[in-house]
Amino acid sequence: MATDIDLASLQHAKVENGCCKKGPGYATPLEAMSGPKETLIYVTCIYTGTGKEKPDYLATVDIDPNSPTYSKVIHRLPMPYLGDELHHSGWNACSSCHGDPSAARQFLVLPSLVSGRIYAVDTQKDPRAPSLHKVVDPKDVVLKTGLAYPHTAHCLASGEIMVSCLGDKDGNAEGNGFLLLDSDFNVKGRWEKPGNSPLYGYDFWYQPRHKTMISTSWGAPAAFTKGFNLQHVSEGLYGRHLHVYNWPGGELKQTLDLGNTGLLPLEIRFLHNPAKDTGFVGCALTSNMVRFFKKPDETWGHEVAISVKPLKVQNWILPEMPGLITDFLISLDDRFLYLANWLHGDIRQYNIEDPANPRLAGQVWVGGSIRNGSPVVVDAEDGTTYQTDIPDVQGHQLRGGPQMIQLSLDGKRLYVTNSLFSTWDRQFYPELVEKGGHMLQIDVDTERGGLEINPRFFVDFGAEPDGPSLAHEMRYPGGDCTSDIWI
């Protein structure tokens, strides 16, 4: 009788050989971990807000260590307009459509946070040189839905694409909600039922087996597009809530107030195992990872699971500096959580096999505001001051702080870029706008825990043909742990 491992190997071999092939992605998160090693990655690159009159573009980066163009940009797809601010991205189809043989992970969906345009990019015709397929006109979106400032795009098992929007065309948070596009990228309308729009918008994740979608809340576009102002927080222009919807019905069932420990909840992820009813959200300003979970009465609760303590500093805009957790992700086997502290400058690895009690397993410093040579120094508890020592990579001084992160399917390589949002980059790391962003690879120890910078890998977006650009989100052609949802 074949063992479980033998059966799994046979099933994987059948998929690889085309037998029994279904739709895009993988049947389970654990099957995805044994998928092929990544060789290409797509990176959204921004000129908007940098002073350069150039369109934003999608860069294709070679991440095959056996390739002669390893860690190089091998293709650039410029958008046809100026002023977009490409930000996050998603797929037209992912593992949620795995049971549909007619579906294909062909189009990368690129919402433009500032202009409101949404681009569909064909990555299937030539994965190394994607081409523009369609532009969704923001006027059409506003006319049919009233929505603007699109952010997160997720594919649905129905073949539709859902995009969270952060406000109306004037930047008011009251106008936010969720846009539905059909499989041909035509505007269908809003997803949520009338009268069920969230207070603020940002990211979202759905878990169909629990008939639930939860969204987060950054703030009013009229506030965050002008740069960060702490007074706007006290004025109520930034969020601290999670919005719990029934799925796929679109009715707002519960609003969780995270209070002063959960200011600016940004990225949200359920555990990948679709049977699990728990997940995490990164609260940027208070630098806490909040765990949310279903309670016995079928409502949802929350608790602080990880806290990044603020640092007492000199020569900064405030006497205390938060870590500013701007991105995090969970490995496909739900064993590890990785987070990026954009201001402090470190990336952390936590073991979350017990989700209620995360345990620090690894940490690496790759930039930040308290690095050696910065005017900012940290006041230690013993009365001394210190800064962090950041190594050069291939002769390049690391700029800014770690922002977006993406993990390989097998969990052993973590890629990191350093641009948050052009206005905030200019405010907190002006050298980023001047010298451009970069991309690193962090080697991950998945046995004992641990993180280490790969010295062979460095993508310098400061050396781009049209001048330094800002690098933000990353996607593999075959899907990844922040875009694929299993049902």
Protein backbone atom coordinates (compact mmCIF):
# COMPACT_ATOMS: atom_id res chain seq x y z
CA MET A 1 0.00 0.00 0.00
CA ALA A 2 1.43 3.40 -0.95
CA THR A 3 2.34 5.77 1.85
CA ASP A 4 0.85 9.26 2.13
CA ILE A 5 4.10 10.68 0.81
CA ASP A 6 4.06 8.32 -2.19
CA LEU A 7 0.47 9.27 -3.01
CA ALA A 8 1.30 12.97 -2.78
CA SER A 9 4.29 12.48 -5.06
CA LEU A 10 2.17 10.61 -7.59
CA GLN A 11 -0.47 13.34 -7.56
CA HIS A 12 2.18 16.02 -8.06
CA ALA A 13 3.76 14.06 -10.92
CA LYS A 14 0.37 13.77 -12.64
CA VAL A 15 -0.14 17.53 -12.42
CA GLU A 16 3.37 18.19 -13.74
CA ASN A 17 2.78 15.86 -16.71
CA GLY A 18 -0.54 17.43 -17.61
CA CYS A 19 -2.68 14.50 -16.50
CA CYS A 20 -5.68 15.43 -14.39
CA LYS A 21 -4.70 19.09 -14.70
CA LYS A 22 -7.31 21.45 -13.38
CA GLY A 23 -7.34 25.22 -13.10
CA PRO A 24 -4.62 27.64 -12.01
CA GLY A 25 -2.54 27.26 -8.90
CA TYR A 26 -2.52 24.30 -6.57
CA ALA A 27 -5.07 22.13 -4.79
CA THR A 28 -3.69 22.95 -1.32
CA PRO A 29 -1.14 25.31 0.24
CA LEU A 30 1.13 22.36 1.08
CA GLU A 31 1.04 21.21 -2.55
CA ALA A 32 2.07 24.72 -3.58
CA MET A 33 5.19 24.42 -1.39
CA SER A 34 6.49 21.67 -3.68
CA GLY A 35 5.86 23.73 -6.81
CA PRO A 36 8.68 24.79 -9.14
CA LYS A 37 11.30 27.21 -7.84
CA GLU A 38 10.73 30.84 -8.85
CA THR A 39 12.79 32.19 -11.75
CA LEU A 40 11.00 35.50 -12.47
CA ILE A 41 9.36 38.13 -10.33
CA TYR A 42 7.25 41.15 -11.34
CA VAL A 43 7.82 44.40 -9.45
CA THR A 44 5.67 47.55 -9.56
CA CYS A 45 7.98 50.54 -10.06
CA ILE A 46 6.97 54.15 -9.49
CA TYR A 47 8.00 57.52 -10.88
CA THR A 48 4.81 59.23 -9.66
CA GLY A 49 5.69 61.61 -6.83
CA THR A 50 9.43 61.57 -7.54
CA GLY A 51 9.53 64.68 -9.71
CA LYS A 52 10.25 62.70 -12.88
CA GLU A 53 7.72 63.07 -15.71
CA LYS A 54 7.83 59.39 -16.54
CA PRO A 55 5.10 56.73 -16.35
CA ASP A 56 5.19 54.04 -13.71
CA TYR A 57 6.13 50.60 -15.01
CA LEU A 58 6.14 46.89 -14.31
CA ALA A 59 9.64 45.47 -14.07
CA THR A 60 10.47 41.83 -14.74
CA VAL A 61 13.42 40.70 -12.63
CA ASP A 62 15.43 37.54 -13.25
CA ILE A 63 15.72 35.63 -9.96
CA ASP A 64 17.19 32.41 -11.34
CA PRO A 65 20.65 32.07 -9.72
CA ASN A 66 21.85 29.98 -12.69
CA SER A 67 20.96 32.70 -15.21
CA PRO A 68 23.51 35.17 -16.65
CA THR A 69 21.03 37.98 -15.94
CA TYR A 70 20.42 36.94 -12.31
CA SER A 71 19.21 39.84 -10.11
CA LYS A 72 18.82 42.10 -13.16
CA VAL A 73 15.77 43.88 -14.60
CA ILE A 74 15.25 42.14 -17.94
CA HIS A 75 12.09 43.93 -19.10
CA ARG A 76 10.13 47.09 -18.36
CA LEU A 77 6.49 47.66 -19.29
CA PRO A 78 5.68 51.39 -18.98
CA MET A 79 2.08 52.36 -18.37
CA PRO A 80 0.48 54.66 -21.01
CA TYR A 81 -0.28 57.49 -18.56
CA LEU A 82 1.51 59.65 -16.00
CA GLY A 83 0.63 60.03 -12.33
CA ASP A 84 -0.72 56.55 -11.56
CA GLU A 85 1.22 55.46 -8.43
CA LEU A 86 1.15 51.72 -9.10
CA HIS A 87 0.97 50.08 -5.71
CA HIS A 88 -0.41 46.62 -5.05
CA SER A 89 -1.22 43.93 -7.59
CA GLY A 90 -3.21 40.72 -7.89
CA TRP A 91 -4.19 38.02 -10.36
CA ASN A 92 -7.28 37.48 -12.49
CA ALA A 93 -7.26 33.85 -11.30
CA CYS A 94 -5.49 32.04 -8.48
CA SER A 95 -5.75 28.82 -6.50
CA SER A 96 -9.33 29.72 -5.56
CA CYS A 97 -10.10 28.80 -9.21
CA HIS A 98 -8.07 25.59 -9.12
CA GLY A 99 -11.17 23.49 -9.79
CA ASP A 100 -12.01 25.41 -12.99
CA PRO A 101 -10.03 24.06 -15.98
CA SER A 102 -11.20 27.00 -18.10
CA ALA A 103 -9.49 29.53 -15.80
CA ALA A 104 -5.87 30.63 -16.27
CA ARG A 105 -3.52 32.83 -14.27
CA GLN A 106 -2.90 35.05 -17.29
CA PHE A 107 -3.48 38.64 -16.25
CA LEU A 108 -1.75 40.60 -13.51
CA VAL A 109 -4.10 43.27 -12.17
CA LEU A 110 -2.42 46.59 -11.34
CA PRO A 111 -4.58 49.14 -9.50
CA SER A 112 -3.22 52.70 -9.51
CA LEU A 113 -3.69 54.14 -6.05
CA VAL A 114 -3.65 57.82 -7.06
CA SER A 115 -5.08 57.97 -10.61
CA GLY A 116 -7.66 55.24 -10.04
CA ARG A 117 -6.81 53.41 -13.28
CA ILE A 118 -6.65 49.63 -13.20
CA TYR A 119 -4.38 47.88 -15.68
CA ALA A 120 -4.66 44.26 -16.81
CA VAL A 121 -1.26 42.98 -17.94
CA ASP A 122 -0.89 39.78 -19.98
CA THR A 123 1.92 37.67 -18.51
CA GLN A 124 1.12 34.47 -20.41
CA LYS A 125 2.07 35.36 -24.00
CA ASP A 126 5.65 36.06 -22.90
CA PRO A 127 6.26 35.78 -19.13
CA ARG A 128 9.65 37.52 -19.49
CA ALA A 129 8.11 40.47 -21.37
CA PRO A 130 4.51 41.10 -20.21
CA SER A 131 2.25 43.25 -22.38
CA LEU A 132 -0.61 45.62 -21.62
CA HIS A 133 -4.01 44.00 -22.21
CA LYS A 134 -6.60 46.51 -21.00
CA VAL A 135 -7.06 49.74 -19.06
CA VAL A 136 -10.08 50.19 -16.79
CA ASP A 137 -11.01 53.86 -16.97
CA PRO A 138 -11.38 55.48 -13.52
CA LYS A 139 -14.24 57.62 -14.88
CA ASP A 140 -16.15 54.42 -15.61
CA VAL A 141 -15.47 53.18 -12.07
CA VAL A 142 -16.63 56.46 -10.52
CA LEU A 143 -19.71 56.67 -12.73
CA LYS A 144 -20.92 53.15 -11.96
CA THR A 145 -19.79 52.78 -8.33
CA GLY A 146 -18.60 56.11 -6.90
CA LEU A 147 -15.33 54.43 -5.93
CA ALA A 148 -11.76 55.68 -6.30
CA TYR A 149 -8.24 55.04 -4.94
CA PRO A 150 -8.15 51.28 -5.71
CA HIS A 151 -5.77 49.21 -3.60
CA THR A 152 -5.98 45.41 -3.19
CA ALA A 153 -7.11 43.08 -5.98
CA HIS A 154 -8.11 39.46 -5.31
CA CYS A 155 -9.49 36.95 -7.76
CA LEU A 156 -12.71 35.17 -6.80
CA ALA A 157 -13.67 31.57 -7.47
CA SER A 158 -16.49 32.94 -9.67
CA GLY A 159 -13.93 34.35 -12.12
CA GLU A 160 -14.62 37.92 -11.02
CA ILE A 161 -11.98 40.27 -9.62
CA MET A 162 -12.62 42.23 -6.44
CA VAL A 163 -10.73 45.44 -5.65
CA SER A 164 -10.83 47.36 -2.38
CA CYS A 165 -11.14 51.14 -2.86
CA LEU A 166 -10.11 53.68 -0.25
CA GLY A 167 -12.39 56.64 -0.95
CA ASP A 168 -14.41 58.63 -3.44
CA LYS A 169 -12.95 60.77 -6.22
CA ASP A 170 -12.47 63.67 -3.79
CA GLY A 171 -10.51 61.57 -1.30
CA ASN A 172 -13.26 61.26 1.29
CA ALA A 173 -13.11 57.99 3.23
CA GLU A 174 -16.91 57.81 3.30
CA GLY A 175 -16.88 56.90 -0.39
CA ASN A 176 -14.91 53.66 -0.05
CA GLY A 177 -16.00 50.10 -0.72
CA PHE A 178 -15.31 47.10 -2.95
CA LEU A 179 -15.29 47.13 -6.74
CA LEU A 180 -16.26 44.09 -8.80
CA LEU A 181 -14.84 43.52 -12.28
CA ASP A 182 -15.96 40.65 -14.51
CA SER A 183 -13.48 38.26 -16.11
CA ASP A 184 -13.05 40.66 -19.05
CA PHE A 185 -12.32 43.57 -16.67
CA ASN A 186 -15.62 45.33 -17.21
CA VAL A 187 -17.00 47.26 -14.23
CA LYS A 188 -19.89 45.30 -12.70
CA GLY A 189 -20.58 47.41 -9.61
CA ARG A 190 -19.95 47.17 -5.90
CA TRP A 191 -19.54 43.90 -4.05
CA GLU A 192 -20.91 44.95 -0.67
CA LYS A 193 -24.63 45.41 -0.17
CA PRO A 194 -25.94 49.03 -0.09
CA GLY A 195 -25.44 50.56 3.33
CA ASN A 196 -22.70 48.05 4.21
CA SER A 197 -19.61 50.03 3.20
CA PRO A 198 -16.66 50.11 5.66
CA LEU A 199 -15.64 53.18 7.63
CA TYR A 200 -12.19 53.12 6.02
CA GLY A 201 -10.64 50.81 3.45
CA TYR A 202 -7.34 49.15 2.64
CA ASP A 203 -6.71 45.38 2.45
CA PHE A 204 -8.99 42.32 2.65
CA TRP A 205 -8.90 38.51 2.76
CA TYR A 206 -11.72 36.00 2.50
CA GLN A 207 -12.06 32.53 4.07
CA PRO A 208 -15.01 30.80 2.34
CA ARG A 209 -15.27 27.79 4.66
CA HIS A 210 -16.08 30.23 7.44
CA LYS A 211 -18.26 32.35 5.14
CA THR A 212 -16.26 35.41 6.14
CA MET A 213 -14.32 38.28 4.59
CA ILE A 214 -12.42 40.74 6.78
CA SER A 215 -11.11 44.12 5.62
CA THR A 216 -8.79 46.69 7.20
CA SER A 217 -8.62 50.47 7.37
CA TRP A 218 -5.73 52.79 6.45
CA GLY A 219 -7.28 56.25 6.29
CA ALA A 220 -8.82 58.98 4.19
CA PRO A 221 -6.96 59.46 0.88
CA ALA A 222 -7.26 63.24 1.37
CA ALA A 223 -5.02 62.76 4.44
CA PHE A 224 -2.46 60.05 3.53
CA THR A 225 -1.76 61.36 0.02
CA LYS A 226 -0.36 64.55 1.60
CA GLY A 227 2.09 62.68 3.84
CA PHE A 228 1.75 61.45 7.40
CA ASN A 229 0.52 63.98 9.98
CA LEU A 230 0.03 62.68 13.52
CA GLN A 231 -2.71 65.24 14.08
CA HIS A 232 -4.77 63.50 11.40
CA VAL A 233 -4.86 60.42 13.63
CA SER A 234 -6.39 62.35 16.52
CA GLU A 235 -8.79 64.00 14.06
CA GLY A 236 -10.11 60.58 13.09
CA LEU A 237 -8.76 60.56 9.54
CA TYR A 238 -7.05 57.19 10.06
CA GLY A 239 -8.58 53.84 10.89
CA ARG A 240 -8.33 51.35 13.74
CA HIS A 241 -11.07 48.89 12.79
CA LEU A 242 -11.56 45.51 11.16
CA HIS A 243 -14.75 45.01 9.17
CA VAL A 244 -16.24 41.51 9.18
CA TYR A 245 -18.52 40.59 6.25
CA ASN A 246 -20.43 37.46 5.46
CA TRP A 247 -19.02 35.76 2.35
CA PRO A 248 -20.01 35.95 -0.40
CA GLY A 249 -23.13 37.91 0.56
CA GLY A 250 -21.49 41.29 1.21
CA GLU A 251 -23.30 42.18 4.43
CA LEU A 252 -21.30 43.87 7.19
CA LYS A 253 -21.82 41.64 10.23
CA GLN A 254 -19.38 43.05 12.78
CA THR A 255 -16.92 45.90 13.26
CA LEU A 256 -13.95 45.23 15.54
CA ASP A 257 -12.51 48.35 17.19
CA LEU A 258 -8.84 47.60 17.79
CA GLY A 259 -8.48 50.68 19.98
CA ASN A 260 -5.21 52.49 20.61
CA THR A 261 -3.23 49.25 20.30
CA GLY A 262 -4.41 48.79 16.71
CA LEU A 263 -3.88 52.08 14.91
CA LEU A 264 -3.60 51.91 11.11
CA PRO A 265 -4.35 48.21 10.51
CA LEU A 266 -2.95 47.54 7.05
CA GLU A 267 -2.17 44.10 5.62
CA ILE A 268 -4.42 41.21 6.67
CA ARG A 269 -3.95 37.46 6.18
CA PHE A 270 -5.90 34.45 7.32
CA LEU A 271 -3.88 31.30 7.85
CA HIS A 272 -3.57 29.53 4.49
CA ASN A 273 -5.28 26.36 5.66
CA PRO A 274 -8.88 27.19 4.63
CA ALA A 275 -10.25 25.20 7.57
CA LYS A 276 -8.60 27.57 10.07
CA ASP A 277 -10.60 30.42 11.54
CA THR A 278 -7.77 32.70 12.62
CA GLY A 279 -5.34 35.16 11.08
CA PHE A 280 -3.31 38.29 11.68
CA VAL A 281 -3.34 41.99 10.82
CA GLY A 282 -0.37 44.33 10.99
CA CYS A 283 -1.16 47.61 12.78
CA ALA A 284 1.45 50.02 11.44
CA LEU A 285 1.44 53.00 13.77
CA THR A 286 1.27 51.05 17.03
CA SER A 287 3.48 48.30 15.53
CA ASN A 288 1.42 45.41 16.85
CA MET A 289 0.45 42.21 15.13
CA VAL A 290 -3.15 41.57 16.14
CA ARG A 291 -4.55 38.05 15.92
CA PHE A 292 -8.25 37.70 15.06
CA PHE A 293 -10.25 34.53 15.62
CA LYS A 294 -13.75 33.12 15.60
CA LYS A 295 -15.35 32.73 19.02
CA PRO A 296 -17.74 29.94 20.12
CA ASP A 297 -20.74 32.20 19.52
CA GLU A 298 -19.65 32.65 15.84
CA THR A 299 -18.60 36.28 16.37
CA TRP A 300 -15.00 37.37 15.95
CA GLY A 301 -12.55 38.48 18.62
CA HIS A 302 -9.03 39.92 18.60
CA GLU A 303 -5.91 40.16 20.75
CA VAL A 304 -2.41 41.59 20.44
CA ALA A 305 -0.11 38.69 19.55
CA ILE A 306 3.20 40.48 18.80
CA SER A 307 4.38 43.91 19.95
CA VAL A 308 7.30 45.81 18.48
CA LYS A 309 8.28 48.29 21.16
CA PRO A 310 8.82 51.91 20.11
CA LEU A 311 12.35 53.23 20.51
CA LYS A 312 13.29 56.36 22.46
CA VAL A 313 15.27 58.44 19.97
CA GLN A 314 17.03 61.77 19.47
CA ASN A 315 17.00 63.98 16.35
CA TRP A 316 13.75 62.59 14.93
CA ILE A 317 10.30 64.15 14.44
CA LEU A 318 9.00 62.53 17.66
CA PRO A 319 10.71 61.43 20.90
CA GLU A 320 9.63 57.85 20.22
CA MET A 321 9.89 55.95 16.94
CA PRO A 322 7.47 53.10 16.13
CA GLY A 323 8.70 50.14 14.14
CA LEU A 324 5.94 50.86 11.58
CA ILE A 325 4.93 47.37 10.47
CA THR A 326 4.03 48.02 6.85
CA ASP A 327 3.91 44.46 5.49
CA PHE A 328 3.83 40.89 6.71
CA LEU A 329 3.09 37.45 5.34
CA ILE A 330 2.60 33.86 6.44
CA SER A 331 4.44 30.84 5.00
CA LEU A 332 2.26 28.41 3.09
CA ASP A 333 2.57 25.75 5.81
CA ASP A 334 1.35 28.29 8.41
CA ARG A 335 4.52 27.76 10.48
CA PHE A 336 6.16 31.16 10.15
CA LEU A 337 5.08 34.81 10.06
CA TYR A 338 7.43 37.45 8.63
CA LEU A 339 7.06 41.19 9.24
CA ALA A 340 8.89 44.32 8.10
CA ASN A 341 9.55 47.32 10.35
CA TRP A 342 9.96 50.13 7.82
CA LEU A 343 11.24 52.76 10.27
CA HIS A 344 13.34 50.60 12.60
CA GLY A 345 14.81 48.75 9.62
CA ASP A 346 14.52 45.07 10.58
CA ILE A 347 12.69 42.03 9.24
CA ARG A 348 11.49 39.48 11.77
CA GLN A 349 10.58 35.80 11.57
CA TYR A 350 8.14 34.36 14.12
CA ASN A 351 7.15 30.76 14.67
CA ILE A 352 3.33 30.71 14.78
CA GLU A 353 2.66 27.00 15.08
CA ASP A 354 0.77 28.15 18.16
CA PRO A 355 -0.91 31.26 16.65
CA ALA A 356 -1.84 32.64 20.06
CA ASN A 357 1.80 32.56 21.20
CA PRO A 358 4.18 33.60 18.41
CA ARG A 359 7.88 33.05 19.14
CA LEU A 360 10.68 35.15 17.61
CA ALA A 361 12.81 32.84 15.47
CA GLY A 362 14.93 35.18 13.35
CA GLN A 363 15.77 38.83 12.72
CA VAL A 364 17.89 40.72 10.19
CA TRP A 365 18.64 44.45 9.80
CA VAL A 366 18.49 45.82 6.24
CA GLY A 367 18.20 49.61 6.67
CA GLY A 368 16.07 51.94 8.72
CA SER A 369 16.18 55.37 10.34
CA ILE A 370 18.57 54.36 13.15
CA ARG A 371 21.39 52.93 11.02
CA ASN A 372 25.00 54.00 11.46
CA GLY A 373 25.55 57.39 9.85
CA SER A 374 21.98 58.55 10.41
CA PRO A 375 21.41 61.66 12.54
CA VAL A 376 18.95 59.63 14.62
CA VAL A 377 20.28 57.79 17.66
CA VAL A 378 18.49 55.48 20.07
CA ASP A 379 18.51 56.05 23.83
CA ALA A 380 19.20 52.74 25.54
CA GLU A 381 17.81 51.92 28.98
CA ASP A 382 21.29 52.12 30.54
CA GLY A 383 21.70 55.74 29.46
CA THR A 384 23.92 55.07 26.44
CA THR A 385 22.99 55.63 22.80
CA TYR A 386 23.34 53.32 19.83
CA GLN A 387 22.65 52.82 16.13
CA THR A 388 22.33 49.66 14.05
CA ASP A 389 25.13 48.42 11.82
CA ILE A 390 23.81 47.77 8.30
CA PRO A 391 26.08 45.91 5.84
CA ASP A 392 26.61 46.98 2.24
CA VAL A 393 25.43 44.53 -0.41
CA GLN A 394 27.62 44.25 -3.52
CA GLY A 395 29.14 47.61 -2.62
CA HIS A 396 25.76 49.32 -2.29
CA GLN A 397 24.67 51.09 0.87
CA LEU A 398 21.15 50.00 1.76
CA ARG A 399 18.63 52.83 1.60
CA GLY A 400 15.30 53.36 3.34
CA GLY A 401 13.77 50.51 5.29
CA PRO A 402 12.24 47.11 4.47
CA GLN A 403 8.72 47.54 3.13
CA MET A 404 7.08 44.95 0.86
CA ILE A 405 8.10 41.32 1.29
CA GLN A 406 7.39 38.19 -0.75
CA LEU A 407 8.24 34.58 0.14
CA SER A 408 9.19 31.72 -2.17
CA LEU A 409 6.71 28.86 -2.33
CA ASP A 410 9.07 26.56 -0.42
CA GLY A 411 9.54 29.25 2.24
CA LYS A 412 13.32 29.49 1.92
CA ARG A 413 13.81 32.83 0.13
CA LEU A 414 12.30 36.15 1.19
CA TYR A 415 12.40 39.06 -1.27
CA VAL A 416 12.15 42.64 0.01
CA THR A 417 11.71 46.10 -1.53
CA ASN A 418 11.87 49.42 0.29
CA SER A 419 9.29 51.92 -1.05
CA LEU A 420 6.04 52.46 0.87
CA PHE A 421 4.22 55.30 -0.94
CA SER A 422 6.00 58.10 -2.79
CA THR A 423 4.74 60.89 -0.52
CA TRP A 424 5.73 59.00 2.63
CA ASP A 425 9.06 57.95 1.08
CA ARG A 426 9.88 61.59 0.46
CA GLN A 427 8.91 62.49 4.03
CA PHE A 428 10.79 59.76 5.92
CA TYR A 429 13.53 58.64 3.49
CA PRO A 430 14.21 61.47 1.03
CA GLU A 431 17.32 59.64 -0.23
CA LEU A 432 14.99 56.95 -1.63
CA VAL A 433 13.39 59.44 -4.00
CA GLU A 434 16.79 60.85 -4.92
CA LYS A 435 18.72 57.58 -5.33
CA GLY A 436 15.94 55.08 -6.02
CA GLY A 437 14.79 51.89 -4.40
CA HIS A 438 16.32 48.45 -4.33
CA MET A 439 15.42 44.81 -3.88
CA LEU A 440 17.12 42.23 -1.67
CA GLN A 441 16.88 38.49 -1.08
CA ILE A 442 16.91 37.13 2.46
CA ASP A 443 17.84 33.48 2.96
CA VAL A 444 15.53 31.75 5.44
CA ASP A 445 16.37 28.90 7.82
CA THR A 446 13.10 26.96 8.03
CA GLU A 447 14.52 24.31 10.36
CA ARG A 448 16.05 26.21 13.28
CA GLY A 449 14.81 29.67 12.33
CA GLY A 450 16.97 32.55 11.15
CA LEU A 451 17.36 35.20 8.44
CA GLU A 452 20.45 36.25 6.49
CA ILE A 453 21.02 38.67 3.58
CA ASN A 454 22.00 36.87 0.37
CA PRO A 455 25.19 38.67 -0.75
CA ARG A 456 24.75 37.60 -4.40
CA PHE A 457 21.43 39.36 -4.93
CA PHE A 458 20.89 43.11 -5.30
CA VAL A 459 18.57 44.88 -7.75
CA ASP A 460 19.39 48.58 -7.94
CA PHE A 461 16.38 50.60 -9.11
CA GLY A 462 18.56 53.68 -8.76
CA ALA A 463 20.32 52.68 -11.97
CA GLU A 464 17.24 52.49 -14.22
CA PRO A 465 17.47 53.92 -17.78
CA ASP A 466 14.96 56.72 -17.04
CA GLY A 467 16.47 57.52 -13.67
CA PRO A 468 15.94 56.24 -10.11
CA SER A 469 12.54 54.68 -9.45
CA LEU A 470 10.73 53.36 -6.37
CA ALA A 471 10.10 49.61 -6.12
CA HIS A 472 7.02 48.30 -4.33
CA GLU A 473 5.07 45.03 -4.61
CA MET A 474 6.33 41.73 -6.05
CA ARG A 475 4.52 38.82 -7.72
CA TYR A 476 5.68 35.51 -9.21
CA PRO A 477 4.08 34.29 -12.47
CA GLY A 478 3.01 31.09 -10.69
CA GLY A 479 1.33 32.68 -7.68
CA ASP A 480 2.47 33.29 -4.13
CA CYS A 481 1.46 33.28 -0.48
CA THR A 482 -0.05 36.78 -0.48
CA SER A 483 -2.27 36.48 -3.56
CA ASP A 484 -3.50 32.87 -3.51
CA ILE A 485 -6.54 31.94 -1.44
CA TRP A 486 -7.75 28.37 -1.08
CA ILE A 487 -11.38 27.39 -0.75
